[in-house]
Amino acid sequence: MTAKGQPGIRGNKAGGRFGRLLVLGRIPTTCKGTSKYVCMCDCGTRVIVLSGSLAGGHTKSCGCLQREAAVLARTTHGQTRGGKSPEYLSWLGMRHRCYYERDKRYEIYGGRDIKVCDRWLESFENFYADMGPRPSSKHSLDRIDNDGNYEPGNCRWATATEQVRNRSTSVSVMWDGRTQSLTEWAAETGLTYRILSDRLRRGWSVERAFTTPKVGEQSEWWLERAGKVD
């Protein structure tokens, strides 16, 4: 056995395997101390390799292994554009806010015991395989259950609007037989989230808050204080 635990070439001529390479036979040589072997790579390419490179584990393929690794790095990490892809940056940010205590967002992530699953901690490739590319530049990583961890099944690519609707602070209100967030009701009624929220906070009924036309909210408040608004 060699220092790396690989079987030496001697005694392992035809039929020996080193990574993706299968030894077919030795090439006769006149150079003392130098042995070469013809090998068949799993991809179907034949190559000639020095015995020392095989036995030492330095050569494990015809070169296809390195090419595949380079393609993966360029594809998943965005290196072809001279930087890291948005997906890779999302993966880094997720880990950072959950485990780096100096991150300004740590308190609402790691501080609340929000974790990243082992599979995604292990590698970016696992994260990318589960999440895929983000649909557009308007999408970012979002947890469906705000109290849950970063893991498959609880994460999605979502727009800012979708994330606001999903926040733990979002208020769900039932009206006219339907329940949806106050943000969605604001969009449907043509009133702002702030107006609806303020009206409900002041004790207005849902019907009144949602159907009263918008006037100067300050004026409404003064009329209410004066007892001139039912």
C-alpha atoms as a PDB file:
ATOM      1  CA  MET A   1       0.000   0.000   0.000  1.00  0.00           C
ATOM      2  CA  THR A   2       1.163   3.574  -0.661  1.00  0.00           C
ATOM      3  CA  ALA A   3       1.206   6.336   1.955  1.00  0.00           C
ATOM      4  CA  LYS A   4      -2.223   7.454   0.773  1.00  0.00           C
ATOM      5  CA  GLY A   5      -3.727   4.040   1.127  1.00  0.00           C
ATOM      6  CA  GLN A   6      -3.887   3.366  -2.626  1.00  0.00           C
ATOM      7  CA  PRO A   7      -2.715  -0.031  -3.872  1.00  0.00           C
ATOM      8  CA  GLY A   8       0.637   0.202  -5.604  1.00  0.00           C
ATOM      9  CA  ILE A   9       0.888  -0.435  -9.335  1.00  0.00           C
ATOM     10  CA  ARG A  10       3.031  -3.523  -8.918  1.00  0.00           C
ATOM     11  CA  GLY A  11       0.867  -6.563  -8.694  1.00  0.00           C
ATOM     12  CA  ASN A  12      -2.068  -4.477  -9.939  1.00  0.00           C
ATOM     13  CA  LYS A  13      -1.408  -4.241 -13.639  1.00  0.00           C
ATOM     14  CA  ALA A  14      -4.436  -4.932 -15.838  1.00  0.00           C
ATOM     15  CA  GLY A  15      -7.622  -4.567 -13.862  1.00  0.00           C
ATOM     16  CA  GLY A  16      -6.366  -2.157 -11.205  1.00  0.00           C
ATOM     17  CA  ARG A  17      -8.635   0.829 -10.517  1.00  0.00           C
ATOM     18  CA  PHE A  18      -7.564   4.303  -9.469  1.00  0.00           C
ATOM     19  CA  GLY A  19     -10.444   6.747  -9.173  1.00  0.00           C
ATOM     20  CA  ARG A  20     -12.163   6.769 -12.552  1.00  0.00           C
ATOM     21  CA  LEU A  21      -9.238   5.024 -14.251  1.00  0.00           C
ATOM     22  CA  LEU A  22      -9.088   1.312 -15.026  1.00  0.00           C
ATOM     23  CA  VAL A  23      -5.576   0.005 -15.790  1.00  0.00           C
ATOM     24  CA  LEU A  24      -5.445  -1.854 -19.117  1.00  0.00           C
ATOM     25  CA  GLY A  25      -1.728  -2.637 -19.238  1.00  0.00           C
ATOM     26  CA  ARG A  26       1.845  -1.452 -18.892  1.00  0.00           C
ATOM     27  CA  ILE A  27       3.758   0.260 -21.681  1.00  0.00           C
ATOM     28  CA  PRO A  28       7.313  -1.033 -22.205  1.00  0.00           C
ATOM     29  CA  THR A  29       9.891   1.716 -21.594  1.00  0.00           C
ATOM     30  CA  THR A  30      13.683   1.990 -21.770  1.00  0.00           C
ATOM     31  CA  CYS A  31      13.813   4.658 -19.040  1.00  0.00           C
ATOM     32  CA  LYS A  32      14.893   3.039 -15.810  1.00  0.00           C
ATOM     33  CA  GLY A  33      12.596   3.676 -12.867  1.00  0.00           C
ATOM     34  CA  THR A  34       9.821   5.054 -15.045  1.00  0.00           C
ATOM     35  CA  SER A  35       6.677   3.047 -15.687  1.00  0.00           C
ATOM     36  CA  LYS A  36       3.667   4.076 -17.720  1.00  0.00           C
ATOM     37  CA  TYR A  37       0.277   2.478 -17.963  1.00  0.00           C
ATOM     38  CA  VAL A  38      -2.553   2.648 -20.459  1.00  0.00           C
ATOM     39  CA  CYS A  39      -5.800   3.354 -18.629  1.00  0.00           C
ATOM     40  CA  MET A  40      -9.444   3.581 -19.608  1.00  0.00           C
ATOM     41  CA  CYS A  41     -11.394   6.420 -17.967  1.00  0.00           C
ATOM     42  CA  ASP A  42     -15.030   5.854 -16.988  1.00  0.00           C
ATOM     43  CA  CYS A  43     -15.978   8.496 -19.562  1.00  0.00           C
ATOM     44  CA  GLY A  44     -14.539   6.260 -22.338  1.00  0.00           C
ATOM     45  CA  THR A  45     -11.242   8.077 -22.933  1.00  0.00           C
ATOM     46  CA  ARG A  46      -7.909   6.231 -23.013  1.00  0.00           C
ATOM     47  CA  VAL A  47      -4.928   7.900 -21.379  1.00  0.00           C
ATOM     48  CA  ILE A  48      -1.320   7.069 -20.570  1.00  0.00           C
ATOM     49  CA  VAL A  49      -0.369   7.769 -16.956  1.00  0.00           C
ATOM     50  CA  LEU A  50       2.859   7.510 -14.979  1.00  0.00           C
ATOM     51  CA  SER A  51       2.794   4.792 -12.346  1.00  0.00           C
ATOM     52  CA  GLY A  52       3.719   7.306  -9.627  1.00  0.00           C
ATOM     53  CA  SER A  53       0.747   9.508 -10.474  1.00  0.00           C
ATOM     54  CA  LEU A  54      -1.611   6.573 -10.222  1.00  0.00           C
ATOM     55  CA  ALA A  55      -0.189   5.078  -7.050  1.00  0.00           C
ATOM     56  CA  GLY A  56       0.066   8.481  -5.339  1.00  0.00           C
ATOM     57  CA  GLY A  57      -3.526   9.381  -6.148  1.00  0.00           C
ATOM     58  CA  HIS A  58      -2.512  12.435  -8.197  1.00  0.00           C
ATOM     59  CA  THR A  59      -4.295  11.283 -11.362  1.00  0.00           C
ATOM     60  CA  LYS A  60      -7.808   9.922 -10.978  1.00  0.00           C
ATOM     61  CA  SER A  61      -9.312  10.585 -14.398  1.00  0.00           C
ATOM     62  CA  CYS A  62      -8.460  11.596 -17.933  1.00  0.00           C
ATOM     63  CA  GLY A  63      -9.119  15.186 -16.871  1.00  0.00           C
ATOM     64  CA  CYS A  64     -12.909  15.033 -16.991  1.00  0.00           C
ATOM     65  CA  LEU A  65     -13.166  15.141 -13.197  1.00  0.00           C
ATOM     66  CA  GLN A  66     -11.446  18.541 -13.057  1.00  0.00           C
ATOM     67  CA  ARG A  67     -13.502  19.881 -15.958  1.00  0.00           C
ATOM     68  CA  GLU A  68     -16.756  18.852 -14.288  1.00  0.00           C
ATOM     69  CA  ALA A  69     -15.719  20.504 -11.015  1.00  0.00           C
ATOM     70  CA  ALA A  70     -14.844  23.719 -12.880  1.00  0.00           C
ATOM     71  CA  VAL A  71     -18.200  23.766 -14.691  1.00  0.00           C
ATOM     72  CA  LEU A  72     -20.061  23.195 -11.420  1.00  0.00           C
ATOM     73  CA  ALA A  73     -18.196  26.042  -9.755  1.00  0.00           C
ATOM     74  CA  ARG A  74     -18.947  28.438 -12.617  1.00  0.00           C
ATOM     75  CA  THR A  75     -22.586  27.386 -12.816  1.00  0.00           C
ATOM     76  CA  THR A  76     -23.535  27.405  -9.154  1.00  0.00           C
ATOM     77  CA  HIS A  77     -21.280  30.166  -7.885  1.00  0.00           C
ATOM     78  CA  GLY A  78     -21.636  32.559 -10.783  1.00  0.00           C
ATOM     79  CA  GLN A  79     -17.872  32.839 -11.282  1.00  0.00           C
ATOM     80  CA  THR A  80     -18.298  33.343 -15.036  1.00  0.00           C
ATOM     81  CA  ARG A  81     -19.631  36.821 -14.240  1.00  0.00           C
ATOM     82  CA  GLY A  82     -16.666  37.681 -12.067  1.00  0.00           C
ATOM     83  CA  GLY A  83     -18.622  37.357  -8.832  1.00  0.00           C
ATOM     84  CA  LYS A  84     -20.911  35.150  -6.812  1.00  0.00           C
ATOM     85  CA  SER A  85     -24.452  34.358  -7.893  1.00  0.00           C
ATOM     86  CA  PRO A  86     -27.498  35.792  -6.033  1.00  0.00           C
ATOM     87  CA  GLU A  87     -28.363  32.258  -4.915  1.00  0.00           C
ATOM     88  CA  TYR A  88     -24.886  31.787  -3.438  1.00  0.00           C
ATOM     89  CA  LEU A  89     -25.112  35.139  -1.644  1.00  0.00           C
ATOM     90  CA  SER A  90     -28.510  34.112  -0.223  1.00  0.00           C
ATOM     91  CA  TRP A  91     -26.917  30.914   1.091  1.00  0.00           C
ATOM     92  CA  LEU A  92     -24.086  32.867   2.719  1.00  0.00           C
ATOM     93  CA  GLY A  93     -26.493  35.413   4.232  1.00  0.00           C
ATOM     94  CA  MET A  94     -28.725  32.678   5.653  1.00  0.00           C
ATOM     95  CA  ARG A  95     -25.789  31.072   7.461  1.00  0.00           C
ATOM     96  CA  HIS A  96     -24.388  34.400   8.603  1.00  0.00           C
ATOM     97  CA  ARG A  97     -27.534  35.743  10.307  1.00  0.00           C
ATOM     98  CA  CYS A  98     -28.194  32.407  12.018  1.00  0.00           C
ATOM     99  CA  TYR A  99     -24.719  31.735  13.404  1.00  0.00           C
ATOM    100  CA  TYR A 100     -22.643  34.930  13.384  1.00  0.00           C
ATOM    101  CA  GLU A 101     -23.482  36.848  16.548  1.00  0.00           C
ATOM    102  CA  ARG A 102     -22.060  40.114  15.231  1.00  0.00           C
ATOM    103  CA  ASP A 103     -24.522  40.143  12.331  1.00  0.00           C
ATOM    104  CA  LYS A 104     -26.996  43.001  12.855  1.00  0.00           C
ATOM    105  CA  ARG A 105     -29.880  40.592  12.154  1.00  0.00           C
ATOM    106  CA  TYR A 106     -28.631  37.800  14.436  1.00  0.00           C
ATOM    107  CA  GLU A 107     -31.050  38.754  17.243  1.00  0.00           C
ATOM    108  CA  ILE A 108     -34.130  37.976  15.125  1.00  0.00           C
ATOM    109  CA  TYR A 109     -32.639  34.831  13.573  1.00  0.00           C
ATOM    110  CA  GLY A 110     -29.929  33.019  15.512  1.00  0.00           C
ATOM    111  CA  GLY A 111     -31.077  34.809  18.660  1.00  0.00           C
ATOM    112  CA  ARG A 112     -34.509  33.216  18.233  1.00  0.00           C
ATOM    113  CA  ASP A 113     -32.885  29.817  17.694  1.00  0.00           C
ATOM    114  CA  ILE A 114     -33.579  29.819  13.955  1.00  0.00           C
ATOM    115  CA  LYS A 115     -31.194  27.276  12.426  1.00  0.00           C
ATOM    116  CA  VAL A 116     -30.069  26.012   9.026  1.00  0.00           C
ATOM    117  CA  CYS A 117     -30.604  22.315   8.353  1.00  0.00           C
ATOM    118  CA  ASP A 118     -27.514  20.090   8.233  1.00  0.00           C
ATOM    119  CA  ARG A 119     -27.941  19.386   4.527  1.00  0.00           C
ATOM    120  CA  TRP A 120     -27.743  23.071   3.606  1.00  0.00           C
ATOM    121  CA  LEU A 121     -24.954  23.758   6.082  1.00  0.00           C
ATOM    122  CA  GLU A 122     -22.927  21.027   4.420  1.00  0.00           C
ATOM    123  CA  SER A 123     -22.727  22.682   1.003  1.00  0.00           C
ATOM    124  CA  PHE A 124     -24.128  25.330  -1.300  1.00  0.00           C
ATOM    125  CA  GLU A 125     -24.684  22.637  -3.920  1.00  0.00           C
ATOM    126  CA  ASN A 126     -27.234  20.909  -1.653  1.00  0.00           C
ATOM    127  CA  PHE A 127     -29.039  24.208  -1.073  1.00  0.00           C
ATOM    128  CA  TYR A 128     -29.095  24.986  -4.805  1.00  0.00           C
ATOM    129  CA  ALA A 129     -30.312  21.467  -5.690  1.00  0.00           C
ATOM    130  CA  ASP A 130     -33.292  21.904  -3.336  1.00  0.00           C
ATOM    131  CA  MET A 131     -34.144  25.553  -4.029  1.00  0.00           C
ATOM    132  CA  GLY A 132     -33.106  25.963  -7.669  1.00  0.00           C
ATOM    133  CA  PRO A 133     -32.464  29.370  -9.246  1.00  0.00           C
ATOM    134  CA  ARG A 134     -34.446  32.340  -7.991  1.00  0.00           C
ATOM    135  CA  PRO A 135     -37.210  33.282 -10.475  1.00  0.00           C
ATOM    136  CA  SER A 136     -36.200  36.940 -10.814  1.00  0.00           C
ATOM    137  CA  SER A 137     -34.162  39.746  -9.268  1.00  0.00           C
ATOM    138  CA  LYS A 138     -37.256  40.692  -7.227  1.00  0.00           C
ATOM    139  CA  HIS A 139     -37.236  37.358  -5.395  1.00  0.00           C
ATOM    140  CA  SER A 140     -35.279  36.524  -2.265  1.00  0.00           C
ATOM    141  CA  LEU A 141     -35.101  33.668   0.229  1.00  0.00           C
ATOM    142  CA  ASP A 142     -38.152  33.453   2.513  1.00  0.00           C
ATOM    143  CA  ARG A 143     -39.240  31.068   5.282  1.00  0.00           C
ATOM    144  CA  ILE A 144     -42.901  30.061   5.020  1.00  0.00           C
ATOM    145  CA  ASP A 145     -43.152  29.478   8.781  1.00  0.00           C
ATOM    146  CA  ASN A 146     -41.418  32.464  10.369  1.00  0.00           C
ATOM    147  CA  ASP A 147     -40.697  30.419  13.493  1.00  0.00           C
ATOM    148  CA  GLY A 148     -39.310  27.501  11.496  1.00  0.00           C
ATOM    149  CA  ASN A 149     -35.791  26.743  10.327  1.00  0.00           C
ATOM    150  CA  TYR A 150     -34.132  27.131   6.962  1.00  0.00           C
ATOM    151  CA  GLU A 151     -34.805  23.731   5.422  1.00  0.00           C
ATOM    152  CA  PRO A 152     -36.493  22.101   2.415  1.00  0.00           C
ATOM    153  CA  GLY A 153     -40.250  22.471   2.651  1.00  0.00           C
ATOM    154  CA  ASN A 154     -40.110  25.657   4.707  1.00  0.00           C
ATOM    155  CA  CYS A 155     -38.316  27.909   2.236  1.00  0.00           C
ATOM    156  CA  ARG A 156     -39.238  29.527  -1.063  1.00  0.00           C
ATOM    157  CA  TRP A 157     -38.145  32.301  -3.381  1.00  0.00           C
ATOM    158  CA  ALA A 158     -40.629  35.139  -2.732  1.00  0.00           C
ATOM    159  CA  THR A 159     -41.108  38.769  -3.717  1.00  0.00           C
ATOM    160  CA  ALA A 160     -41.035  41.555  -1.128  1.00  0.00           C
ATOM    161  CA  THR A 161     -44.847  41.787  -1.217  1.00  0.00           C
ATOM    162  CA  GLU A 162     -45.233  38.059  -0.617  1.00  0.00           C
ATOM    163  CA  GLN A 163     -42.787  38.243   2.277  1.00  0.00           C
ATOM    164  CA  VAL A 164     -44.646  41.131   3.910  1.00  0.00           C
ATOM    165  CA  ARG A 165     -47.851  39.116   3.764  1.00  0.00           C
ATOM    166  CA  ASN A 166     -46.052  36.219   5.392  1.00  0.00           C
ATOM    167  CA  ARG A 167     -44.467  38.107   8.299  1.00  0.00           C
ATOM    168  CA  SER A 168     -45.358  37.024  11.802  1.00  0.00           C
ATOM    169  CA  THR A 169     -46.467  40.623  12.439  1.00  0.00           C
ATOM    170  CA  SER A 170     -49.031  40.575   9.617  1.00  0.00           C
ATOM    171  CA  VAL A 171     -52.625  40.903  10.800  1.00  0.00           C
ATOM    172  CA  SER A 172     -55.261  38.556   9.412  1.00  0.00           C
ATOM    173  CA  VAL A 173     -58.818  39.883   9.391  1.00  0.00           C
ATOM    174  CA  MET A 174     -62.126  38.245   8.467  1.00  0.00           C
ATOM    175  CA  TRP A 175     -64.615  40.323   6.514  1.00  0.00           C
ATOM    176  CA  ASP A 176     -67.399  39.496   4.088  1.00  0.00           C
ATOM    177  CA  GLY A 177     -66.866  35.764   4.681  1.00  0.00           C
ATOM    178  CA  ARG A 178     -63.145  35.829   3.805  1.00  0.00           C
ATOM    179  CA  THR A 179     -59.959  35.935   5.849  1.00  0.00           C
ATOM    180  CA  GLN A 180     -56.778  37.504   4.538  1.00  0.00           C
ATOM    181  CA  SER A 181     -53.957  39.760   5.673  1.00  0.00           C
ATOM    182  CA  LEU A 182     -54.501  43.443   6.289  1.00  0.00           C
ATOM    183  CA  THR A 183     -52.033  44.142   3.486  1.00  0.00           C
ATOM    184  CA  GLU A 184     -54.268  42.248   1.054  1.00  0.00           C
ATOM    185  CA  TRP A 185     -57.387  44.027   2.340  1.00  0.00           C
ATOM    186  CA  ALA A 186     -55.636  47.372   1.868  1.00  0.00           C
ATOM    187  CA  ALA A 187     -54.909  46.551  -1.761  1.00  0.00           C
ATOM    188  CA  GLU A 188     -58.507  45.416  -2.308  1.00  0.00           C
ATOM    189  CA  THR A 189     -60.244  48.346  -0.614  1.00  0.00           C
ATOM    190  CA  GLY A 190     -57.938  51.016  -1.983  1.00  0.00           C
ATOM    191  CA  LEU A 191     -57.073  52.181   1.523  1.00  0.00           C
ATOM    192  CA  THR A 192     -53.590  52.055   2.985  1.00  0.00           C
ATOM    193  CA  TYR A 193     -52.387  49.488   5.502  1.00  0.00           C
ATOM    194  CA  ARG A 194     -51.753  52.306   7.963  1.00  0.00           C
ATOM    195  CA  ILE A 195     -55.293  53.671   7.693  1.00  0.00           C
ATOM    196  CA  LEU A 196     -56.889  50.258   8.224  1.00  0.00           C
ATOM    197  CA  SER A 197     -54.546  49.440  11.079  1.00  0.00           C
ATOM    198  CA  ASP A 198     -55.162  52.756  12.822  1.00  0.00           C
ATOM    199  CA  ARG A 199     -58.939  52.450  12.445  1.00  0.00           C
ATOM    200  CA  LEU A 200     -59.021  48.962  13.924  1.00  0.00           C
ATOM    201  CA  ARG A 201     -56.652  49.984  16.716  1.00  0.00           C
ATOM    202  CA  ARG A 202     -59.040  52.807  17.621  1.00  0.00           C
ATOM    203  CA  GLY A 203     -61.851  50.295  18.013  1.00  0.00           C
ATOM    204  CA  TRP A 204     -63.666  50.668  14.711  1.00  0.00           C
ATOM    205  CA  SER A 205     -65.650  47.690  13.523  1.00  0.00           C
ATOM    206  CA  VAL A 206     -64.191  45.841  10.534  1.00  0.00           C
ATOM    207  CA  GLU A 207     -67.201  46.846   8.417  1.00  0.00           C
ATOM    208  CA  ARG A 208     -66.798  50.521   9.237  1.00  0.00           C
ATOM    209  CA  ALA A 209     -63.007  50.490   8.873  1.00  0.00           C
ATOM    210  CA  PHE A 210     -63.132  48.838   5.466  1.00  0.00           C
ATOM    211  CA  THR A 211     -66.082  50.743   3.958  1.00  0.00           C
ATOM    212  CA  THR A 212     -65.598  54.308   5.181  1.00  0.00           C
ATOM    213  CA  PRO A 213     -64.142  56.398   2.330  1.00  0.00           C
ATOM    214  CA  LYS A 214     -60.776  57.945   2.944  1.00  0.00           C
ATOM    215  CA  VAL A 215     -60.881  61.505   4.221  1.00  0.00           C
ATOM    216  CA  GLY A 216     -58.203  63.319   6.139  1.00  0.00           C
ATOM    217  CA  GLU A 217     -57.494  60.762   8.852  1.00  0.00           C
ATOM    218  CA  GLN A 218     -56.571  63.584  11.203  1.00  0.00           C
ATOM    219  CA  SER A 219     -60.021  65.115  10.608  1.00  0.00           C
ATOM    220  CA  GLU A 220     -61.675  61.777  11.295  1.00  0.00           C
ATOM    221  CA  TRP A 221     -59.813  61.542  14.587  1.00  0.00           C
ATOM    222  CA  TRP A 222     -60.944  65.017  15.715  1.00  0.00           C
ATOM    223  CA  LEU A 223     -64.553  64.381  14.656  1.00  0.00           C
ATOM    224  CA  GLU A 224     -64.460  61.112  16.597  1.00  0.00           C
ATOM    225  CA  ARG A 225     -63.141  62.881  19.682  1.00  0.00           C
ATOM    226  CA  ALA A 226     -65.930  65.486  19.331  1.00  0.00           C
ATOM    227  CA  GLY A 227     -68.552  62.753  19.180  1.00  0.00           C
ATOM    228  CA  LYS A 228     -69.621  63.682  15.675  1.00  0.00           C
ATOM    229  CA  VAL A 229     -68.753  60.337  14.103  1.00  0.00           C
ATOM    230  CA  ASP A 230     -70.869  57.332  15.021  1.00  0.00           C
END
